[in-house]
C-alpha atoms as a PDB file:
ATOM      1  CA  UNK A   1      13.658  13.722 -22.970  1.00  0.00           C
ATOM      2  CA  UNK A   2      14.149  16.629 -20.548  1.00  0.00           C
ATOM      3  CA  UNK A   3      14.493  16.127 -16.793  1.00  0.00           C
ATOM      4  CA  UNK A   4      14.714  18.814 -14.106  1.00  0.00           C
ATOM      5  CA  UNK A   5      15.755  17.773 -10.588  1.00  0.00           C
ATOM      6  CA  UNK A   6      14.996  20.111  -7.680  1.00  0.00           C
ATOM      7  CA  UNK A   7      17.338  18.789  -5.047  1.00  0.00           C
ATOM      8  CA  UNK A   8      20.791  18.954  -3.540  1.00  0.00           C
ATOM      9  CA  UNK A   9      23.935  16.792  -3.505  1.00  0.00           C
ATOM     10  CA  UNK A  10      21.823  13.611  -3.548  1.00  0.00           C
ATOM     11  CA  UNK A  11      20.203  14.562  -6.855  1.00  0.00           C
ATOM     12  CA  UNK A  12      23.692  15.580  -8.004  1.00  0.00           C
ATOM     13  CA  UNK A  13      24.834  12.021  -7.282  1.00  0.00           C
ATOM     14  CA  UNK A  14      21.783  10.536  -8.993  1.00  0.00           C
ATOM     15  CA  UNK A  15      22.120  12.564 -12.192  1.00  0.00           C
ATOM     16  CA  UNK A  16      25.904  12.506 -12.643  1.00  0.00           C
ATOM     17  CA  UNK A  17      25.852   9.709 -15.245  1.00  0.00           C
ATOM     18  CA  UNK A  18      22.255   9.866 -16.477  1.00  0.00           C
ATOM     19  CA  UNK A  19      22.900  11.817 -19.671  1.00  0.00           C
ATOM     20  CA  UNK A  20      25.860   9.607 -20.591  1.00  0.00           C
ATOM     21  CA  UNK A  21      23.953   6.397 -19.865  1.00  0.00           C
ATOM     22  CA  UNK A  22      21.358   7.642 -22.321  1.00  0.00           C
ATOM     23  CA  UNK A  23      23.965   8.416 -24.989  1.00  0.00           C
ATOM     24  CA  UNK A  24      25.348   4.886 -24.685  1.00  0.00           C
ATOM     25  CA  UNK A  25      21.860   3.612 -25.471  1.00  0.00           C
ATOM     26  CA  UNK A  26      21.202   6.012 -28.330  1.00  0.00           C
ATOM     27  CA  UNK A  27      18.923   8.254 -26.257  1.00  0.00           C
ATOM     28  CA  UNK A  28      19.464  11.983 -25.811  1.00  0.00           C
ATOM     29  CA  UNK A  29      18.439  13.150 -22.358  1.00  0.00           C
ATOM     30  CA  UNK A  30      18.810  16.717 -21.159  1.00  0.00           C
ATOM     31  CA  UNK A  31      19.358  16.537 -17.404  1.00  0.00           C
ATOM     32  CA  UNK A  32      19.386  19.641 -15.237  1.00  0.00           C
ATOM     33  CA  UNK A  33      20.066  19.447 -11.517  1.00  0.00           C
ATOM     34  CA  UNK A  34      19.324  22.457  -9.307  1.00  0.00           C
ATOM     35  CA  UNK A  35      21.972  22.199  -6.630  1.00  0.00           C
ATOM     36  CA  UNK A  36      22.302  23.687  -3.177  1.00  0.00           C
ATOM     37  CA  UNK A  37      24.153  21.449  -0.746  1.00  0.00           C
ATOM     38  CA  UNK A  38      21.927  20.156   2.060  1.00  0.00           C
ATOM     39  CA  UNK A  39      18.838  21.935   0.730  1.00  0.00           C
ATOM     40  CA  UNK A  40      15.575  20.899   2.394  1.00  0.00           C
ATOM     41  CA  UNK A  41      12.041  21.199   1.081  1.00  0.00           C
ATOM     42  CA  UNK A  42      11.442  24.107   3.452  1.00  0.00           C
ATOM     43  CA  UNK A  43      14.455  25.938   2.027  1.00  0.00           C
ATOM     44  CA  UNK A  44      13.352  25.184  -1.529  1.00  0.00           C
ATOM     45  CA  UNK A  45      10.022  26.804  -0.753  1.00  0.00           C
ATOM     46  CA  UNK A  46      11.677  29.831   0.871  1.00  0.00           C
ATOM     47  CA  UNK A  47      13.754  30.214  -2.275  1.00  0.00           C
ATOM     48  CA  UNK A  48      10.636  29.995  -4.436  1.00  0.00           C
ATOM     49  CA  UNK A  49       8.908  32.719  -2.418  1.00  0.00           C
ATOM     50  CA  UNK A  50      11.951  34.965  -2.758  1.00  0.00           C
ATOM     51  CA  UNK A  51      12.631  33.991  -6.382  1.00  0.00           C
ATOM     52  CA  UNK A  52      16.201  33.466  -5.235  1.00  0.00           C
ATOM     53  CA  UNK A  53      18.804  32.630  -7.866  1.00  0.00           C
ATOM     54  CA  UNK A  54      20.806  30.496  -5.458  1.00  0.00           C
ATOM     55  CA  UNK A  55      20.921  27.206  -7.377  1.00  0.00           C
ATOM     56  CA  UNK A  56      23.912  25.946  -9.290  1.00  0.00           C
ATOM     57  CA  UNK A  57      22.663  24.959 -12.727  1.00  0.00           C
ATOM     58  CA  UNK A  58      24.202  21.554 -13.432  1.00  0.00           C
ATOM     59  CA  UNK A  59      23.716  20.345 -16.982  1.00  0.00           C
ATOM     60  CA  UNK A  60      24.112  16.706 -18.001  1.00  0.00           C
ATOM     61  CA  UNK A  61      26.115  15.853 -14.907  1.00  0.00           C
ATOM     62  CA  UNK A  62      28.478  18.819 -15.171  1.00  0.00           C
ATOM     63  CA  UNK A  63      28.761  22.157 -13.390  1.00  0.00           C
ATOM     64  CA  UNK A  64      28.149  25.189 -15.605  1.00  0.00           C
ATOM     65  CA  UNK A  65      28.938  28.089 -13.252  1.00  0.00           C
ATOM     66  CA  UNK A  66      25.452  29.453 -13.895  1.00  0.00           C
ATOM     67  CA  UNK A  67      23.158  30.401 -11.008  1.00  0.00           C
ATOM     68  CA  UNK A  68      19.385  30.254 -11.385  1.00  0.00           C
ATOM     69  CA  UNK A  69      16.081  30.328  -9.521  1.00  0.00           C
ATOM     70  CA  UNK A  70      13.563  27.499  -9.512  1.00  0.00           C
ATOM     71  CA  UNK A  71      11.070  29.633 -11.440  1.00  0.00           C
ATOM     72  CA  UNK A  72      13.564  30.547 -14.137  1.00  0.00           C
ATOM     73  CA  UNK A  73      14.620  26.917 -14.452  1.00  0.00           C
ATOM     74  CA  UNK A  74      11.019  25.766 -14.802  1.00  0.00           C
ATOM     75  CA  UNK A  75      10.251  28.231 -17.589  1.00  0.00           C
ATOM     76  CA  UNK A  76      13.560  27.709 -19.377  1.00  0.00           C
ATOM     77  CA  UNK A  77      12.434  24.584 -21.227  1.00  0.00           C
ATOM     78  CA  UNK A  78       9.562  22.168 -21.775  1.00  0.00           C
ATOM     79  CA  UNK A  79      10.285  19.566 -19.119  1.00  0.00           C
ATOM     80  CA  UNK A  80       9.077  15.984 -19.367  1.00  0.00           C
ATOM     81  CA  UNK A  81       9.862  15.243 -15.716  1.00  0.00           C
ATOM     82  CA  UNK A  82      10.421  17.328 -12.600  1.00  0.00           C
ATOM     83  CA  UNK A  83      11.726  15.497  -9.535  1.00  0.00           C
ATOM     84  CA  UNK A  84      11.471  16.515  -5.888  1.00  0.00           C
ATOM     85  CA  UNK A  85      12.999  15.108  -2.698  1.00  0.00           C
ATOM     86  CA  UNK A  86      13.700  15.840   0.954  1.00  0.00           C
ATOM     87  CA  UNK A  87      17.167  16.447   2.369  1.00  0.00           C
ATOM     88  CA  UNK A  88      18.620  13.189   3.662  1.00  0.00           C
ATOM     89  CA  UNK A  89      18.707  13.857   7.407  1.00  0.00           C
ATOM     90  CA  UNK A  90      15.055  14.971   7.380  1.00  0.00           C
ATOM     91  CA  UNK A  91      13.847  12.320   4.934  1.00  0.00           C
ATOM     92  CA  UNK A  92      12.913  10.022   7.815  1.00  0.00           C
ATOM     93  CA  UNK A  93      10.257  12.408   9.233  1.00  0.00           C
ATOM     94  CA  UNK A  94       7.257  13.205   7.072  1.00  0.00           C
ATOM     95  CA  UNK A  95       6.349  16.112   9.316  1.00  0.00           C
ATOM     96  CA  UNK A  96       9.311  17.953   7.766  1.00  0.00           C
ATOM     97  CA  UNK A  97       7.971  17.497   4.228  1.00  0.00           C
ATOM     98  CA  UNK A  98       4.735  19.384   4.579  1.00  0.00           C
ATOM     99  CA  UNK A  99       3.372  21.873   3.775  1.00  0.00           C
ATOM    100  CA  UNK A 100       6.475  22.715   1.731  1.00  0.00           C
ATOM    101  CA  UNK A 101       6.286  19.757  -0.637  1.00  0.00           C
ATOM    102  CA  UNK A 102       2.684  20.511  -1.566  1.00  0.00           C
ATOM    103  CA  UNK A 103       3.485  24.191  -2.062  1.00  0.00           C
ATOM    104  CA  UNK A 104       6.439  23.285  -4.262  1.00  0.00           C
ATOM    105  CA  UNK A 105       4.379  20.814  -6.271  1.00  0.00           C
ATOM    106  CA  UNK A 106       1.707  23.430  -6.920  1.00  0.00           C
ATOM    107  CA  UNK A 107       4.366  25.921  -7.981  1.00  0.00           C
ATOM    108  CA  UNK A 108       5.899  23.428 -10.392  1.00  0.00           C
ATOM    109  CA  UNK A 109       2.472  22.752 -11.851  1.00  0.00           C
ATOM    110  CA  UNK A 110       1.915  26.476 -12.376  1.00  0.00           C
ATOM    111  CA  UNK A 111       5.078  26.976 -14.421  1.00  0.00           C
ATOM    112  CA  UNK A 112       5.555  23.511 -15.931  1.00  0.00           C
ATOM    113  CA  UNK A 113       1.985  22.224 -16.264  1.00  0.00           C
ATOM    114  CA  UNK A 114       2.839  19.514 -18.774  1.00  0.00           C
ATOM    115  CA  UNK A 115       5.717  18.039 -16.779  1.00  0.00           C
ATOM    116  CA  UNK A 116       5.240  14.757 -14.953  1.00  0.00           C
ATOM    117  CA  UNK A 117       6.184  15.212 -11.298  1.00  0.00           C
ATOM    118  CA  UNK A 118       7.969  12.333  -9.582  1.00  0.00           C
ATOM    119  CA  UNK A 119       9.419  11.719  -6.134  1.00  0.00           C
ATOM    120  CA  UNK A 120      13.135  10.978  -5.850  1.00  0.00           C
ATOM    121  CA  UNK A 121      13.605   8.502  -2.999  1.00  0.00           C
ATOM    122  CA  UNK A 122      16.962   9.162  -1.367  1.00  0.00           C
ATOM    123  CA  UNK A 123      18.936   6.549   0.581  1.00  0.00           C
ATOM    124  CA  UNK A 124      19.907   5.561   4.106  1.00  0.00           C
ATOM    125  CA  UNK A 125      23.361   6.297   5.475  1.00  0.00           C
ATOM    126  CA  UNK A 126      26.115   3.704   5.567  1.00  0.00           C
ATOM    127  CA  UNK A 127      26.106   1.147   8.370  1.00  0.00           C
ATOM    128  CA  UNK A 128      28.134   2.445  11.306  1.00  0.00           C
ATOM    129  CA  UNK A 129      28.304   6.034  10.046  1.00  0.00           C
ATOM    130  CA  UNK A 130      28.360   8.509  12.932  1.00  0.00           C
ATOM    131  CA  UNK A 131      25.493  10.627  11.621  1.00  0.00           C
ATOM    132  CA  UNK A 132      23.333   7.497  11.422  1.00  0.00           C
ATOM    133  CA  UNK A 133      23.909   6.447  15.013  1.00  0.00           C
ATOM    134  CA  UNK A 134      24.725   9.662  16.893  1.00  0.00           C
ATOM    135  CA  UNK A 135      22.784  12.348  15.020  1.00  0.00           C
ATOM    136  CA  UNK A 136      19.749  10.293  14.010  1.00  0.00           C
ATOM    137  CA  UNK A 137      19.845   7.680  16.770  1.00  0.00           C
ATOM    138  CA  UNK A 138      19.553   4.560  14.627  1.00  0.00           C
ATOM    139  CA  UNK A 139      21.185   1.267  15.485  1.00  0.00           C
ATOM    140  CA  UNK A 140      21.116   0.108  11.838  1.00  0.00           C
ATOM    141  CA  UNK A 141      20.861   1.660   8.421  1.00  0.00           C
ATOM    142  CA  UNK A 142      17.889  -0.573   7.636  1.00  0.00           C
ATOM    143  CA  UNK A 143      15.882   1.257  10.292  1.00  0.00           C
ATOM    144  CA  UNK A 144      16.657   4.574   8.644  1.00  0.00           C
ATOM    145  CA  UNK A 145      15.699   3.199   5.242  1.00  0.00           C
ATOM    146  CA  UNK A 146      12.377   1.868   6.509  1.00  0.00           C
ATOM    147  CA  UNK A 147      11.495   5.290   7.929  1.00  0.00           C
ATOM    148  CA  UNK A 148      12.474   7.248   4.841  1.00  0.00           C
ATOM    149  CA  UNK A 149      10.743   4.746   2.574  1.00  0.00           C
ATOM    150  CA  UNK A 150       7.506   5.217   4.518  1.00  0.00           C
ATOM    151  CA  UNK A 151       7.873   8.997   4.392  1.00  0.00           C
ATOM    152  CA  UNK A 152       8.426   9.063   0.649  1.00  0.00           C
ATOM    153  CA  UNK A 153       5.427   6.793   0.149  1.00  0.00           C
ATOM    154  CA  UNK A 154       3.306   9.266   2.117  1.00  0.00           C
ATOM    155  CA  UNK A 155       4.692  12.100   0.008  1.00  0.00           C
ATOM    156  CA  UNK A 156       3.791  10.333  -3.215  1.00  0.00           C
ATOM    157  CA  UNK A 157       0.307   9.568  -1.923  1.00  0.00           C
ATOM    158  CA  UNK A 158      -0.300  13.112  -0.702  1.00  0.00           C
ATOM    159  CA  UNK A 159       0.537  14.503  -4.129  1.00  0.00           C
ATOM    160  CA  UNK A 160      -2.041  12.320  -5.828  1.00  0.00           C
ATOM    161  CA  UNK A 161      -0.207   9.056  -6.267  1.00  0.00           C
ATOM    162  CA  UNK A 162       3.062  10.155  -7.846  1.00  0.00           C
ATOM    163  CA  UNK A 163       5.590   7.576  -8.940  1.00  0.00           C
ATOM    164  CA  UNK A 164       8.758   7.090  -6.902  1.00  0.00           C
ATOM    165  CA  UNK A 165      12.260   6.755  -8.339  1.00  0.00           C
ATOM    166  CA  UNK A 166      13.635   4.083  -5.976  1.00  0.00           C
ATOM    167  CA  UNK A 167      17.220   5.189  -5.456  1.00  0.00           C
ATOM    168  CA  UNK A 168      17.255   4.162  -1.816  1.00  0.00           C
ATOM    169  CA  UNK A 169      15.687   0.803  -2.584  1.00  0.00           C
ATOM    170  CA  UNK A 170      18.350   0.093  -5.179  1.00  0.00           C
ATOM    171  CA  UNK A 171      21.050   0.617  -2.548  1.00  0.00           C
ATOM    172  CA  UNK A 172      19.355  -1.861  -0.230  1.00  0.00           C
ATOM    173  CA  UNK A 173      19.079  -4.472  -2.983  1.00  0.00           C
ATOM    174  CA  UNK A 174      22.664  -3.965  -4.115  1.00  0.00           C
ATOM    175  CA  UNK A 175      23.943  -4.383  -0.560  1.00  0.00           C
ATOM    176  CA  UNK A 176      21.970  -7.624  -0.224  1.00  0.00           C
ATOM    177  CA  UNK A 177      23.618  -8.726  -3.461  1.00  0.00           C
ATOM    178  CA  UNK A 178      27.079  -8.170  -2.012  1.00  0.00           C
ATOM    179  CA  UNK A 179      28.037  -4.665  -3.171  1.00  0.00           C
ATOM    180  CA  UNK A 180      29.954  -2.936  -0.378  1.00  0.00           C
ATOM    181  CA  UNK A 181      31.274   0.316  -1.878  1.00  0.00           C
ATOM    182  CA  UNK A 182      28.129   2.362  -2.492  1.00  0.00           C
ATOM    183  CA  UNK A 183      29.189   5.282  -0.274  1.00  0.00           C
ATOM    184  CA  UNK A 184      32.113   7.698  -0.429  1.00  0.00           C
ATOM    185  CA  UNK A 185      31.832   9.414   2.958  1.00  0.00           C
ATOM    186  CA  UNK A 186      29.105   7.632   4.900  1.00  0.00           C
ATOM    187  CA  UNK A 187      26.166   9.296   3.193  1.00  0.00           C
ATOM    188  CA  UNK A 188      26.921  10.506  -0.338  1.00  0.00           C
ATOM    189  CA  UNK A 189      27.003   7.961  -3.151  1.00  0.00           C
ATOM    190  CA  UNK A 190      30.398   6.647  -4.195  1.00  0.00           C
ATOM    191  CA  UNK A 191      31.742   8.098  -7.435  1.00  0.00           C
ATOM    192  CA  UNK A 192      31.610   4.730  -9.181  1.00  0.00           C
ATOM    193  CA  UNK A 193      29.138   2.160  -7.868  1.00  0.00           C
ATOM    194  CA  UNK A 194      26.807   4.504  -5.997  1.00  0.00           C
ATOM    195  CA  UNK A 195      26.350   7.059  -8.708  1.00  0.00           C
ATOM    196  CA  UNK A 196      26.109   4.398 -11.398  1.00  0.00           C
ATOM    197  CA  UNK A 197      23.277   2.430  -9.804  1.00  0.00           C
ATOM    198  CA  UNK A 198      21.347   5.648  -9.221  1.00  0.00           C
ATOM    199  CA  UNK A 199      21.788   6.637 -12.843  1.00  0.00           C
ATOM    200  CA  UNK A 200      20.644   3.201 -13.952  1.00  0.00           C
ATOM    201  CA  UNK A 201      17.533   3.463 -11.772  1.00  0.00           C
ATOM    202  CA  UNK A 202      16.624   6.898 -13.084  1.00  0.00           C
ATOM    203  CA  UNK A 203      17.278   5.875 -16.684  1.00  0.00           C
ATOM    204  CA  UNK A 204      15.077   2.797 -16.573  1.00  0.00           C
ATOM    205  CA  UNK A 205      12.281   4.443 -14.593  1.00  0.00           C
ATOM    206  CA  UNK A 206      12.005   7.561 -16.719  1.00  0.00           C
ATOM    207  CA  UNK A 207      12.696   6.110 -20.177  1.00  0.00           C
ATOM    208  CA  UNK A 208      11.182   2.647 -19.771  1.00  0.00           C
ATOM    209  CA  UNK A 209      14.286   1.183 -21.417  1.00  0.00           C
ATOM    210  CA  UNK A 210      16.297  -1.586 -19.788  1.00  0.00           C
ATOM    211  CA  UNK A 211      19.809  -0.727 -18.686  1.00  0.00           C
ATOM    212  CA  UNK A 212      20.962  -4.340 -18.877  1.00  0.00           C
ATOM    213  CA  UNK A 213      22.584  -4.099 -22.370  1.00  0.00           C
ATOM    214  CA  UNK A 214      23.921  -0.567 -21.770  1.00  0.00           C
ATOM    215  CA  UNK A 215      27.610  -0.158 -22.557  1.00  0.00           C
ATOM    216  CA  UNK A 216      28.349   2.972 -20.486  1.00  0.00           C
ATOM    217  CA  UNK A 217      31.627   2.547 -18.568  1.00  0.00           C
ATOM    218  CA  UNK A 218      33.075   6.058 -18.148  1.00  0.00           C
ATOM    219  CA  UNK A 219      33.045   6.243 -14.344  1.00  0.00           C
ATOM    220  CA  UNK A 220      34.804   8.767 -12.120  1.00  0.00           C
ATOM    221  CA  UNK A 221      36.371   5.831 -10.283  1.00  0.00           C
ATOM    222  CA  UNK A 222      36.840   2.236 -11.479  1.00  0.00           C
ATOM    223  CA  UNK A 223      34.047  -0.368 -11.323  1.00  0.00           C
ATOM    224  CA  UNK A 224      34.784  -3.942 -12.371  1.00  0.00           C
ATOM    225  CA  UNK A 225      32.602  -5.844 -14.824  1.00  0.00           C
ATOM    226  CA  UNK A 226      31.223  -8.272 -12.246  1.00  0.00           C
ATOM    227  CA  UNK A 227      30.088  -5.431 -10.001  1.00  0.00           C
ATOM    228  CA  UNK A 228      28.577  -3.558 -12.931  1.00  0.00           C
ATOM    229  CA  UNK A 229      26.447  -6.596 -13.687  1.00  0.00           C
ATOM    230  CA  UNK A 230      25.247  -6.811 -10.070  1.00  0.00           C
ATOM    231  CA  UNK A 231      24.432  -3.089 -10.053  1.00  0.00           C
ATOM    232  CA  UNK A 232      22.469  -3.408 -13.284  1.00  0.00           C
ATOM    233  CA  UNK A 233      20.396  -6.303 -11.935  1.00  0.00           C
ATOM    234  CA  UNK A 234      19.821  -4.526  -8.611  1.00  0.00           C
ATOM    235  CA  UNK A 235      18.696  -1.320 -10.335  1.00  0.00           C
ATOM    236  CA  UNK A 236      16.334  -3.245 -12.590  1.00  0.00           C
ATOM    237  CA  UNK A 237      14.829  -5.107  -9.625  1.00  0.00           C
ATOM    238  CA  UNK A 238      14.207  -1.870  -7.726  1.00  0.00           C
ATOM    239  CA  UNK A 239      12.511  -0.189 -10.673  1.00  0.00           C
ATOM    240  CA  UNK A 240      10.262  -3.173 -11.348  1.00  0.00           C
ATOM    241  CA  UNK A 241       9.318  -3.469  -7.664  1.00  0.00           C
ATOM    242  CA  UNK A 242       8.147   0.146  -7.698  1.00  0.00           C
ATOM    243  CA  UNK A 243       5.825  -0.398 -10.631  1.00  0.00           C
ATOM    244  CA  UNK A 244       7.728   1.183 -13.496  1.00  0.00           C
ATOM    245  CA  UNK A 245       7.372  -0.394 -16.944  1.00  0.00           C
ATOM    246  CA  UNK A 246      10.720  -1.422 -18.385  1.00  0.00           C
ATOM    247  CA  UNK A 247      11.370  -3.305 -21.606  1.00  0.00           C
END
């Protein structure tokens, strides 16, 4: 399987462990993340129009030092999936998605016509984080999640009913299940729990294979066995709730 993510640091978080989770389950997944920190859909489209080679080409969760344009990435391989997302601070407002998301989707279809396009749902900031309350004006992270969830649902609908990879939903479920260390700085995913649950969500959604028996444990920071089990169950619940078939 070959997956291309058009994103930023949030897709970097989500894809860090995806290739290795696959290897632990006997599945080879090529994962490429196109990375520009804080990149919005509008900026992605500007870069498309200029054919700008401004993206760090991250392969299988690792930096390569290679820079590339979206067009060159799209034509570089036969992709099974191409994911798209909004930058986190704008994810709450669907007015910031369009028309750039539709333009980007059409461009992807032109150069990767056989790829399945999916929406990567990002996540709400950590409770009490200054950007959540001061910059965005929320009194709780649940309010932010509800707004971004609605925006991503509109995005999926506008593009013809695309499927959503429920990264943000998995965070909400995990927090309800008692996981407290999903963030590393208030908004990025933590190097252990946060990145692992995102990888588990992506793996199950895109492969249809359950992550419950997966033996992957090579995290960038320690995660105990009890927490791993909670993260697995939370990821599975999110994927099932969003209509993905997992066996």
